[in-house]
Amino acid sequence: MNIYLPIAEMSVNVALFLGMGCAVGFLSGLFGVGGGFLLTPLLIFMGVPAPVAVGTGSMQILASSVSGAMAQYRRNNVDVKLGAVLVAGGIVGSVIGVALMKILRQAGQFDLFVSLSYVTFLGAVGALMLIESVGSIQKTRSGKPVSARKTRQHSWVHGLPFKMRFHRSKLYISAVPAAMIGAFVGFMAAIMGVGGGFVMVPAMIYLLRVPTSVVIGTSLFQIVFVMAVTTLLQAMENKAVDVVLALLLIVGGVIGAQFGAAAGGRLKGEQLRFMLAALVLLVCLRIGWDLMVRPTEIYSIGPLIGGGI
């Protein structure tokens, strides 16, 4: 059964995109990530225009993050005050990212910018994760203890001005680095269509020294509000949110996440990190290959944006 996507302006197979949403949801439940880094490239591979893939990905991440954030809040695992600082920075980054996206679309360079961003960012993150996970696996097999960073350890971050007391996290730190992390994640959400949890969580743990017990909940809290603003801006400014496509992906994602969460409980942390790193690098290589290979059609005809002639 085919269905027409009004914003993407293409006809797609319902079962295929439900299956895609289910697969991304499974991986999200398995690895505990939003899945945007995988969903957006997959949509582009399937022929969805890059701006629509990014904008619609924001809506899908928003829907998938709400239930998780609510569950974490009920367990008192959310630092609302710290989350508010992250949200404030995230909204600023999102506004900048949406504005840049509009400029790049008018210049006809957005597709290239997205591909280069994914190759650069996923390549760096995937390589670091792979090195760390392989090291942890080797230490575990040899019987050596895996070293852990202490959350109470101070760094240069603690010497910055505009300090605030975050009671739930038991921290007294500057709001500047938290706002900057939020802004960077918001910018990524607008440009790449990702929730940014795989950046925010390590940054909160190792840079801000936030206790692990509240990291996931606070990250999801920030993602919900930032993705809501990003989705709204993408729809209003760039007309890049396809609700029909998003609904297909959301339904599939909800189903797949349940199976992924059950499968993830059977694997060790270092094994999950290794598998996630391998997946990230595979996506990076696939996008990089598309950038280097000569296209079958060198020239393409598309709608002009910005009233050009």
C-alpha atoms as a PDB file:
ATOM      1  CA  MET A   1       0.000   0.000   0.000  1.00  0.00           C
ATOM      2  CA  ASN A   2       1.397   3.377  -1.049  1.00  0.00           C
ATOM      3  CA  ILE A   3       0.698   6.756   0.503  1.00  0.00           C
ATOM      4  CA  TYR A   4       1.536  10.255  -0.718  1.00  0.00           C
ATOM      5  CA  LEU A   5       3.715  12.488   1.466  1.00  0.00           C
ATOM      6  CA  PRO A   6       2.517  16.089   0.897  1.00  0.00           C
ATOM      7  CA  ILE A   7       5.635  17.899   2.116  1.00  0.00           C
ATOM      8  CA  ALA A   8       8.220  15.464   0.745  1.00  0.00           C
ATOM      9  CA  GLU A   9       6.177  15.378  -2.497  1.00  0.00           C
ATOM     10  CA  MET A  10       6.663  11.661  -3.098  1.00  0.00           C
ATOM     11  CA  SER A  11       4.722   8.402  -2.858  1.00  0.00           C
ATOM     12  CA  VAL A  12       6.073   5.777  -0.439  1.00  0.00           C
ATOM     13  CA  ASN A  13       5.252   2.256   0.673  1.00  0.00           C
ATOM     14  CA  VAL A  14       3.552   2.311   4.086  1.00  0.00           C
ATOM     15  CA  ALA A  15       4.945  -1.054   5.193  1.00  0.00           C
ATOM     16  CA  LEU A  16       8.492  -0.067   4.234  1.00  0.00           C
ATOM     17  CA  PHE A  17       8.493   3.135   6.286  1.00  0.00           C
ATOM     18  CA  LEU A  18       6.703   1.489   9.210  1.00  0.00           C
ATOM     19  CA  GLY A  19       9.453  -1.119   9.143  1.00  0.00           C
ATOM     20  CA  MET A  20      12.089   1.611   9.048  1.00  0.00           C
ATOM     21  CA  GLY A  21      10.543   3.283  12.080  1.00  0.00           C
ATOM     22  CA  CYS A  22      10.380  -0.082  13.839  1.00  0.00           C
ATOM     23  CA  ALA A  23      14.066  -0.770  13.108  1.00  0.00           C
ATOM     24  CA  VAL A  24      15.145   2.650  14.371  1.00  0.00           C
ATOM     25  CA  GLY A  25      12.922   2.223  17.437  1.00  0.00           C
ATOM     26  CA  PHE A  26      14.514  -1.168  18.120  1.00  0.00           C
ATOM     27  CA  LEU A  27      17.990   0.352  17.982  1.00  0.00           C
ATOM     28  CA  SER A  28      16.846   3.242  20.180  1.00  0.00           C
ATOM     29  CA  GLY A  29      15.564   0.836  22.800  1.00  0.00           C
ATOM     30  CA  LEU A  30      18.658  -1.328  22.485  1.00  0.00           C
ATOM     31  CA  PHE A  31      21.243   1.443  22.835  1.00  0.00           C
ATOM     32  CA  GLY A  32      19.265   4.086  24.755  1.00  0.00           C
ATOM     33  CA  VAL A  33      19.670   6.797  22.102  1.00  0.00           C
ATOM     34  CA  GLY A  34      17.131   8.849  20.168  1.00  0.00           C
ATOM     35  CA  GLY A  35      18.066   7.292  16.825  1.00  0.00           C
ATOM     36  CA  GLY A  36      18.048  10.558  14.895  1.00  0.00           C
ATOM     37  CA  PHE A  37      21.643  10.023  13.745  1.00  0.00           C
ATOM     38  CA  LEU A  38      20.423   6.875  11.984  1.00  0.00           C
ATOM     39  CA  LEU A  39      16.902   7.944  10.965  1.00  0.00           C
ATOM     40  CA  THR A  40      17.839  11.084   9.036  1.00  0.00           C
ATOM     41  CA  PRO A  41      20.455   9.376   6.799  1.00  0.00           C
ATOM     42  CA  LEU A  42      18.056   6.460   6.192  1.00  0.00           C
ATOM     43  CA  LEU A  43      15.337   8.840   5.049  1.00  0.00           C
ATOM     44  CA  ILE A  44      17.788  10.570   2.721  1.00  0.00           C
ATOM     45  CA  PHE A  45      18.910   7.185   1.330  1.00  0.00           C
ATOM     46  CA  MET A  46      15.230   6.396   0.605  1.00  0.00           C
ATOM     47  CA  GLY A  47      14.888   9.543  -1.495  1.00  0.00           C
ATOM     48  CA  VAL A  48      13.325  11.914   1.043  1.00  0.00           C
ATOM     49  CA  PRO A  49      14.703  15.461   0.510  1.00  0.00           C
ATOM     50  CA  ALA A  50      17.360  16.301   3.112  1.00  0.00           C
ATOM     51  CA  PRO A  51      15.488  19.304   4.611  1.00  0.00           C
ATOM     52  CA  VAL A  52      12.323  17.215   5.052  1.00  0.00           C
ATOM     53  CA  ALA A  53      14.338  14.345   6.534  1.00  0.00           C
ATOM     54  CA  VAL A  54      15.886  16.705   9.090  1.00  0.00           C
ATOM     55  CA  GLY A  55      12.636  18.485   9.975  1.00  0.00           C
ATOM     56  CA  THR A  56      10.538  15.317  10.182  1.00  0.00           C
ATOM     57  CA  GLY A  57      13.254  13.604  12.211  1.00  0.00           C
ATOM     58  CA  SER A  58      12.881  16.356  14.807  1.00  0.00           C
ATOM     59  CA  MET A  59       9.175  15.582  15.199  1.00  0.00           C
ATOM     60  CA  GLN A  60       9.821  11.849  15.517  1.00  0.00           C
ATOM     61  CA  ILE A  61      12.476  12.405  18.200  1.00  0.00           C
ATOM     62  CA  LEU A  62      10.123  14.718  20.076  1.00  0.00           C
ATOM     63  CA  ALA A  63       7.418  12.053  20.196  1.00  0.00           C
ATOM     64  CA  SER A  64       9.802   9.284  21.218  1.00  0.00           C
ATOM     65  CA  SER A  65      11.392  11.369  23.995  1.00  0.00           C
ATOM     66  CA  VAL A  66       8.179  12.465  25.759  1.00  0.00           C
ATOM     67  CA  SER A  67       7.329   9.109  27.320  1.00  0.00           C
ATOM     68  CA  GLY A  68      10.910   8.560  28.480  1.00  0.00           C
ATOM     69  CA  ALA A  69      11.128  12.022  30.028  1.00  0.00           C
ATOM     70  CA  MET A  70       7.833  11.528  31.877  1.00  0.00           C
ATOM     71  CA  ALA A  71       8.958   8.164  33.239  1.00  0.00           C
ATOM     72  CA  GLN A  72      12.251   9.647  34.457  1.00  0.00           C
ATOM     73  CA  TYR A  73      10.452  12.598  36.057  1.00  0.00           C
ATOM     74  CA  ARG A  74       8.157  10.273  38.012  1.00  0.00           C
ATOM     75  CA  ARG A  75      11.266   8.534  39.354  1.00  0.00           C
ATOM     76  CA  ASN A  76      12.712  11.902  40.435  1.00  0.00           C
ATOM     77  CA  ASN A  77      15.623  11.493  38.010  1.00  0.00           C
ATOM     78  CA  VAL A  78      15.297  14.968  36.442  1.00  0.00           C
ATOM     79  CA  ASP A  79      17.159  18.077  37.598  1.00  0.00           C
ATOM     80  CA  VAL A  80      14.579  20.616  36.413  1.00  0.00           C
ATOM     81  CA  LYS A  81      16.748  23.648  37.178  1.00  0.00           C
ATOM     82  CA  LEU A  82      19.745  22.284  35.262  1.00  0.00           C
ATOM     83  CA  GLY A  83      17.392  21.153  32.503  1.00  0.00           C
ATOM     84  CA  ALA A  84      15.985  24.692  32.228  1.00  0.00           C
ATOM     85  CA  VAL A  85      19.507  26.067  31.667  1.00  0.00           C
ATOM     86  CA  LEU A  86      20.141  23.436  29.000  1.00  0.00           C
ATOM     87  CA  VAL A  87      16.790  24.242  27.354  1.00  0.00           C
ATOM     88  CA  ALA A  88      17.560  27.988  27.295  1.00  0.00           C
ATOM     89  CA  GLY A  89      20.854  27.334  25.528  1.00  0.00           C
ATOM     90  CA  GLY A  90      19.222  24.747  23.265  1.00  0.00           C
ATOM     91  CA  ILE A  91      16.567  27.166  22.049  1.00  0.00           C
ATOM     92  CA  VAL A  92      19.236  29.717  21.101  1.00  0.00           C
ATOM     93  CA  GLY A  93      21.194  27.057  19.212  1.00  0.00           C
ATOM     94  CA  SER A  94      18.031  25.820  17.503  1.00  0.00           C
ATOM     95  CA  VAL A  95      17.086  29.311  16.282  1.00  0.00           C
ATOM     96  CA  ILE A  96      20.586  29.781  14.850  1.00  0.00           C
ATOM     97  CA  GLY A  97      20.513  26.342  13.208  1.00  0.00           C
ATOM     98  CA  VAL A  98      17.106  26.870  11.560  1.00  0.00           C
ATOM     99  CA  ALA A  99      18.212  30.263  10.229  1.00  0.00           C
ATOM    100  CA  LEU A 100      21.412  28.726   8.821  1.00  0.00           C
ATOM    101  CA  MET A 101      19.390  25.913   7.256  1.00  0.00           C
ATOM    102  CA  LYS A 102      17.204  28.452   5.449  1.00  0.00           C
ATOM    103  CA  ILE A 103      20.267  30.273   4.100  1.00  0.00           C
ATOM    104  CA  LEU A 104      21.894  27.022   2.922  1.00  0.00           C
ATOM    105  CA  ARG A 105      18.671  25.898   1.208  1.00  0.00           C
ATOM    106  CA  GLN A 106      18.455  29.179  -0.670  1.00  0.00           C
ATOM    107  CA  ALA A 107      22.076  28.714  -1.758  1.00  0.00           C
ATOM    108  CA  GLY A 108      21.396  25.096  -2.783  1.00  0.00           C
ATOM    109  CA  GLN A 109      24.105  23.762  -0.453  1.00  0.00           C
ATOM    110  CA  PHE A 110      22.098  22.223   2.389  1.00  0.00           C
ATOM    111  CA  ASP A 111      22.334  18.591   1.207  1.00  0.00           C
ATOM    112  CA  LEU A 112      26.118  18.830   0.972  1.00  0.00           C
ATOM    113  CA  PHE A 113      26.370  20.545   4.353  1.00  0.00           C
ATOM    114  CA  VAL A 114      24.287  17.822   6.043  1.00  0.00           C
ATOM    115  CA  SER A 115      26.361  15.032   4.490  1.00  0.00           C
ATOM    116  CA  LEU A 116      29.663  16.650   5.480  1.00  0.00           C
ATOM    117  CA  SER A 117      28.353  17.259   9.018  1.00  0.00           C
ATOM    118  CA  TYR A 118      27.364  13.631   9.414  1.00  0.00           C
ATOM    119  CA  VAL A 119      30.640  12.285   8.050  1.00  0.00           C
ATOM    120  CA  THR A 120      32.731  14.570  10.270  1.00  0.00           C
ATOM    121  CA  PHE A 121      30.730  14.252  13.439  1.00  0.00           C
ATOM    122  CA  LEU A 122      29.770  10.579  13.275  1.00  0.00           C
ATOM    123  CA  GLY A 123      33.303   9.660  12.240  1.00  0.00           C
ATOM    124  CA  ALA A 124      34.813  11.376  15.279  1.00  0.00           C
ATOM    125  CA  VAL A 125      32.210  10.147  17.777  1.00  0.00           C
ATOM    126  CA  GLY A 126      32.181   6.602  16.385  1.00  0.00           C
ATOM    127  CA  ALA A 127      35.980   6.311  16.461  1.00  0.00           C
ATOM    128  CA  LEU A 128      36.199   7.549  20.063  1.00  0.00           C
ATOM    129  CA  MET A 129      33.399   5.221  21.179  1.00  0.00           C
ATOM    130  CA  LEU A 130      35.011   2.263  19.403  1.00  0.00           C
ATOM    131  CA  ILE A 131      38.398   2.875  21.034  1.00  0.00           C
ATOM    132  CA  GLU A 132      36.839   3.241  24.487  1.00  0.00           C
ATOM    133  CA  SER A 133      34.597   0.162  24.157  1.00  0.00           C
ATOM    134  CA  VAL A 134      37.393  -2.062  22.814  1.00  0.00           C
ATOM    135  CA  GLY A 135      39.616  -0.959  25.707  1.00  0.00           C
ATOM    136  CA  SER A 136      36.864  -1.747  28.231  1.00  0.00           C
ATOM    137  CA  ILE A 137      36.240  -5.187  26.697  1.00  0.00           C
ATOM    138  CA  GLN A 138      39.957  -6.022  26.807  1.00  0.00           C
ATOM    139  CA  LYS A 139      40.220  -4.936  30.457  1.00  0.00           C
ATOM    140  CA  THR A 140      37.151  -6.973  31.378  1.00  0.00           C
ATOM    141  CA  ARG A 141      38.518 -10.102  29.707  1.00  0.00           C
ATOM    142  CA  SER A 142      41.920  -9.690  31.372  1.00  0.00           C
ATOM    143  CA  GLY A 143      40.314  -9.216  34.786  1.00  0.00           C
ATOM    144  CA  LYS A 144      41.451  -5.603  35.194  1.00  0.00           C
ATOM    145  CA  PRO A 145      39.009  -3.137  36.781  1.00  0.00           C
ATOM    146  CA  VAL A 146      37.492  -0.570  34.420  1.00  0.00           C
ATOM    147  CA  SER A 147      38.391   2.872  35.751  1.00  0.00           C
ATOM    148  CA  ALA A 148      35.532   5.270  36.424  1.00  0.00           C
ATOM    149  CA  ARG A 149      35.599   9.044  36.505  1.00  0.00           C
ATOM    150  CA  LYS A 150      34.670  10.564  39.836  1.00  0.00           C
ATOM    151  CA  THR A 151      31.724  12.918  39.728  1.00  0.00           C
ATOM    152  CA  ARG A 152      33.112  15.025  42.586  1.00  0.00           C
ATOM    153  CA  GLN A 153      36.399  15.753  40.809  1.00  0.00           C
ATOM    154  CA  HIS A 154      36.858  19.450  39.968  1.00  0.00           C
ATOM    155  CA  SER A 155      38.060  20.862  36.653  1.00  0.00           C
ATOM    156  CA  TRP A 156      38.441  24.241  34.914  1.00  0.00           C
ATOM    157  CA  VAL A 157      34.652  24.327  34.414  1.00  0.00           C
ATOM    158  CA  HIS A 158      34.117  24.907  38.124  1.00  0.00           C
ATOM    159  CA  GLY A 159      36.121  28.144  38.008  1.00  0.00           C
ATOM    160  CA  LEU A 160      33.809  29.925  35.556  1.00  0.00           C
ATOM    161  CA  PRO A 161      31.475  32.772  36.658  1.00  0.00           C
ATOM    162  CA  PHE A 162      27.645  32.855  36.938  1.00  0.00           C
ATOM    163  CA  LYS A 163      27.534  29.941  39.341  1.00  0.00           C
ATOM    164  CA  MET A 164      24.231  28.333  40.243  1.00  0.00           C
ATOM    165  CA  ARG A 165      23.276  25.713  42.795  1.00  0.00           C
ATOM    166  CA  PHE A 166      21.566  22.644  41.345  1.00  0.00           C
ATOM    167  CA  HIS A 167      20.108  20.845  44.338  1.00  0.00           C
ATOM    168  CA  ARG A 168      18.971  17.649  42.616  1.00  0.00           C
ATOM    169  CA  SER A 169      22.412  17.108  41.078  1.00  0.00           C
ATOM    170  CA  LYS A 170      24.153  18.325  44.258  1.00  0.00           C
ATOM    171  CA  LEU A 171      26.303  20.688  42.215  1.00  0.00           C
ATOM    172  CA  TYR A 172      27.414  24.314  42.508  1.00  0.00           C
ATOM    173  CA  ILE A 173      28.777  25.171  39.075  1.00  0.00           C
ATOM    174  CA  SER A 174      28.711  27.869  36.419  1.00  0.00           C
ATOM    175  CA  ALA A 175      25.659  27.979  34.166  1.00  0.00           C
ATOM    176  CA  VAL A 176      27.862  28.976  31.190  1.00  0.00           C
ATOM    177  CA  PRO A 177      29.102  25.488  30.144  1.00  0.00           C
ATOM    178  CA  ALA A 178      25.626  23.993  30.619  1.00  0.00           C
ATOM    179  CA  ALA A 179      24.094  26.675  28.384  1.00  0.00           C
ATOM    180  CA  MET A 180      26.843  26.160  25.783  1.00  0.00           C
ATOM    181  CA  ILE A 181      26.264  22.387  25.735  1.00  0.00           C
ATOM    182  CA  GLY A 182      22.540  23.007  25.308  1.00  0.00           C
ATOM    183  CA  ALA A 183      23.168  25.494  22.485  1.00  0.00           C
ATOM    184  CA  PHE A 184      25.414  23.046  20.633  1.00  0.00           C
ATOM    185  CA  VAL A 185      22.851  20.258  20.926  1.00  0.00           C
ATOM    186  CA  GLY A 186      20.072  22.612  19.784  1.00  0.00           C
ATOM    187  CA  PHE A 187      22.141  23.629  16.766  1.00  0.00           C
ATOM    188  CA  MET A 188      22.730  19.960  15.910  1.00  0.00           C
ATOM    189  CA  ALA A 189      19.004  19.251  16.226  1.00  0.00           C
ATOM    190  CA  ALA A 190      18.165  21.945  13.677  1.00  0.00           C
ATOM    191  CA  ILE A 191      20.914  21.111  11.184  1.00  0.00           C
ATOM    192  CA  MET A 192      21.209  17.322  11.467  1.00  0.00           C
ATOM    193  CA  GLY A 193      17.820  16.226  12.816  1.00  0.00           C
ATOM    194  CA  VAL A 194      19.304  14.486  15.871  1.00  0.00           C
ATOM    195  CA  GLY A 195      18.349  14.680  19.535  1.00  0.00           C
ATOM    196  CA  GLY A 196      21.996  14.967  20.564  1.00  0.00           C
ATOM    197  CA  GLY A 197      21.698  12.683  23.578  1.00  0.00           C
ATOM    198  CA  PHE A 198      24.865  10.804  22.588  1.00  0.00           C
ATOM    199  CA  VAL A 199      26.715  14.133  22.943  1.00  0.00           C
ATOM    200  CA  MET A 200      24.877  15.599  25.921  1.00  0.00           C
ATOM    201  CA  VAL A 201      25.079  12.546  28.175  1.00  0.00           C
ATOM    202  CA  PRO A 202      28.906  12.202  28.036  1.00  0.00           C
ATOM    203  CA  ALA A 203      29.288  16.000  28.320  1.00  0.00           C
ATOM    204  CA  MET A 204      27.107  16.124  31.440  1.00  0.00           C
ATOM    205  CA  ILE A 205      28.959  13.213  33.044  1.00  0.00           C
ATOM    206  CA  TYR A 206      32.559  14.100  32.241  1.00  0.00           C
ATOM    207  CA  LEU A 207      32.439  17.903  31.891  1.00  0.00           C
ATOM    208  CA  LEU A 208      29.757  19.027  34.339  1.00  0.00           C
ATOM    209  CA  ARG A 209      30.192  16.024  36.691  1.00  0.00           C
ATOM    210  CA  VAL A 210      26.441  15.450  36.915  1.00  0.00           C
ATOM    211  CA  PRO A 211      25.582  12.234  38.822  1.00  0.00           C
ATOM    212  CA  THR A 212      24.736   9.385  36.497  1.00  0.00           C
ATOM    213  CA  SER A 213      21.385   8.831  38.227  1.00  0.00           C
ATOM    214  CA  VAL A 214      19.969  12.115  36.870  1.00  0.00           C
ATOM    215  CA  VAL A 215      21.843  12.406  33.564  1.00  0.00           C
ATOM    216  CA  ILE A 216      19.447  10.448  31.350  1.00  0.00           C
ATOM    217  CA  GLY A 217      16.304  12.070  32.757  1.00  0.00           C
ATOM    218  CA  THR A 218      17.702  15.598  32.529  1.00  0.00           C
ATOM    219  CA  SER A 219      18.938  14.963  28.984  1.00  0.00           C
ATOM    220  CA  LEU A 220      15.486  13.726  27.913  1.00  0.00           C
ATOM    221  CA  PHE A 221      13.875  16.734  29.632  1.00  0.00           C
ATOM    222  CA  GLN A 222      16.029  19.076  27.554  1.00  0.00           C
ATOM    223  CA  ILE A 223      15.473  17.132  24.336  1.00  0.00           C
ATOM    224  CA  VAL A 224      11.673  17.315  24.651  1.00  0.00           C
ATOM    225  CA  PHE A 225      11.532  21.114  24.870  1.00  0.00           C
ATOM    226  CA  VAL A 226      14.305  21.820  22.376  1.00  0.00           C
ATOM    227  CA  MET A 227      12.882  19.415  19.793  1.00  0.00           C
ATOM    228  CA  ALA A 228       9.413  20.954  20.260  1.00  0.00           C
ATOM    229  CA  VAL A 229      10.814  24.400  19.453  1.00  0.00           C
ATOM    230  CA  THR A 230      12.935  23.017  16.604  1.00  0.00           C
ATOM    231  CA  THR A 231       9.983  21.193  15.035  1.00  0.00           C
ATOM    232  CA  LEU A 232       7.829  24.319  15.235  1.00  0.00           C
ATOM    233  CA  LEU A 233      10.541  26.495  13.680  1.00  0.00           C
ATOM    234  CA  GLN A 234      11.224  23.950  10.931  1.00  0.00           C
ATOM    235  CA  ALA A 235       7.521  23.852  10.064  1.00  0.00           C
ATOM    236  CA  MET A 236       7.081  27.628  10.093  1.00  0.00           C
ATOM    237  CA  GLU A 237      10.347  28.822   8.567  1.00  0.00           C
ATOM    238  CA  ASN A 238      11.399  26.001   6.253  1.00  0.00           C
ATOM    239  CA  LYS A 239       8.134  24.061   5.652  1.00  0.00           C
ATOM    240  CA  ALA A 240      10.194  20.930   6.252  1.00  0.00           C
ATOM    241  CA  VAL A 241       8.001  18.807   8.580  1.00  0.00           C
ATOM    242  CA  ASP A 242       5.947  16.075   6.910  1.00  0.00           C
ATOM    243  CA  VAL A 243       3.349  15.022   9.518  1.00  0.00           C
ATOM    244  CA  VAL A 244       2.226  11.972   7.524  1.00  0.00           C
ATOM    245  CA  LEU A 245       5.778  10.633   7.323  1.00  0.00           C
ATOM    246  CA  ALA A 246       6.377  11.418  10.988  1.00  0.00           C
ATOM    247  CA  LEU A 247       3.278   9.446  12.050  1.00  0.00           C
ATOM    248  CA  LEU A 248       4.469   6.375  10.126  1.00  0.00           C
ATOM    249  CA  LEU A 249       7.868   6.560  11.786  1.00  0.00           C
ATOM    250  CA  ILE A 250       6.428   7.204  15.264  1.00  0.00           C
ATOM    251  CA  VAL A 251       4.082   4.201  15.127  1.00  0.00           C
ATOM    252  CA  GLY A 252       6.889   1.919  13.967  1.00  0.00           C
ATOM    253  CA  GLY A 253       9.305   3.392  16.503  1.00  0.00           C
ATOM    254  CA  VAL A 254       7.000   2.770  19.468  1.00  0.00           C
ATOM    255  CA  ILE A 255       6.683  -0.898  18.518  1.00  0.00           C
ATOM    256  CA  GLY A 256      10.382  -1.433  17.857  1.00  0.00           C
ATOM    257  CA  ALA A 257      11.523   0.302  21.050  1.00  0.00           C
ATOM    258  CA  GLN A 258       9.754  -2.284  23.211  1.00  0.00           C
ATOM    259  CA  PHE A 259      11.678  -5.161  21.626  1.00  0.00           C
ATOM    260  CA  GLY A 260      14.942  -3.201  21.681  1.00  0.00           C
ATOM    261  CA  ALA A 261      14.684  -2.465  25.394  1.00  0.00           C
ATOM    262  CA  ALA A 262      14.132  -6.160  26.137  1.00  0.00           C
ATOM    263  CA  ALA A 263      17.135  -7.168  23.991  1.00  0.00           C
ATOM    264  CA  GLY A 264      19.366  -4.487  25.515  1.00  0.00           C
ATOM    265  CA  GLY A 265      18.925  -5.912  29.007  1.00  0.00           C
ATOM    266  CA  ARG A 266      20.749  -9.080  27.942  1.00  0.00           C
ATOM    267  CA  LEU A 267      23.974  -7.366  26.846  1.00  0.00           C
ATOM    268  CA  LYS A 268      26.796  -5.785  28.854  1.00  0.00           C
ATOM    269  CA  GLY A 269      27.465  -2.043  28.739  1.00  0.00           C
ATOM    270  CA  GLU A 270      30.772  -2.320  26.863  1.00  0.00           C
ATOM    271  CA  GLN A 271      29.198  -4.671  24.313  1.00  0.00           C
ATOM    272  CA  LEU A 272      26.383  -2.200  23.662  1.00  0.00           C
ATOM    273  CA  ARG A 273      28.882   0.658  23.250  1.00  0.00           C
ATOM    274  CA  PHE A 274      30.937  -1.416  20.804  1.00  0.00           C
ATOM    275  CA  MET A 275      27.865  -2.265  18.709  1.00  0.00           C
ATOM    276  CA  LEU A 276      26.683   1.343  18.734  1.00  0.00           C
ATOM    277  CA  ALA A 277      30.147   2.571  17.698  1.00  0.00           C
ATOM    278  CA  ALA A 278      30.219   0.071  14.815  1.00  0.00           C
ATOM    279  CA  LEU A 279      26.740   1.198  13.697  1.00  0.00           C
ATOM    280  CA  VAL A 280      27.733   4.876  13.838  1.00  0.00           C
ATOM    281  CA  LEU A 281      30.858   4.212  11.736  1.00  0.00           C
ATOM    282  CA  LEU A 282      28.866   2.198   9.172  1.00  0.00           C
ATOM    283  CA  VAL A 283      26.440   5.090   8.699  1.00  0.00           C
ATOM    284  CA  CYS A 284      29.408   7.467   8.414  1.00  0.00           C
ATOM    285  CA  LEU A 285      31.069   5.297   5.744  1.00  0.00           C
ATOM    286  CA  ARG A 286      27.821   4.990   3.779  1.00  0.00           C
ATOM    287  CA  ILE A 287      27.342   8.770   3.666  1.00  0.00           C
ATOM    288  CA  GLY A 288      31.020   9.290   2.814  1.00  0.00           C
ATOM    289  CA  TRP A 289      30.721   6.795  -0.045  1.00  0.00           C
ATOM    290  CA  ASP A 290      27.794   8.728  -1.499  1.00  0.00           C
ATOM    291  CA  LEU A 291      29.875  11.909  -1.389  1.00  0.00           C
ATOM    292  CA  MET A 292      32.763  10.347  -3.316  1.00  0.00           C
ATOM    293  CA  VAL A 293      30.936   8.219  -5.899  1.00  0.00           C
ATOM    294  CA  ARG A 294      29.987   9.825  -9.196  1.00  0.00           C
ATOM    295  CA  PRO A 295      26.167  10.197  -9.287  1.00  0.00           C
ATOM    296  CA  THR A 296      24.174   8.459 -12.024  1.00  0.00           C
ATOM    297  CA  GLU A 297      22.592  11.796 -12.909  1.00  0.00           C
ATOM    298  CA  ILE A 298      25.007  14.725 -12.705  1.00  0.00           C
ATOM    299  CA  TYR A 299      22.300  17.320 -13.159  1.00  0.00           C
ATOM    300  CA  SER A 300      18.947  17.445 -11.397  1.00  0.00           C
ATOM    301  CA  ILE A 301      15.935  19.723 -11.658  1.00  0.00           C
ATOM    302  CA  GLY A 302      14.225  20.833  -8.430  1.00  0.00           C
ATOM    303  CA  PRO A 303      11.985  23.621  -7.188  1.00  0.00           C
ATOM    304  CA  LEU A 304      13.596  26.989  -6.732  1.00  0.00           C
ATOM    305  CA  ILE A 305      13.584  28.369  -3.202  1.00  0.00           C
ATOM    306  CA  GLY A 306      13.491  32.020  -2.361  1.00  0.00           C
ATOM    307  CA  GLY A 307      11.788  33.243  -5.516  1.00  0.00           C
ATOM    308  CA  GLY A 308      14.743  32.794  -7.847  1.00  0.00           C
ATOM    309  CA  ILE A 309      14.320  32.799 -11.635  1.00  0.00           C
END
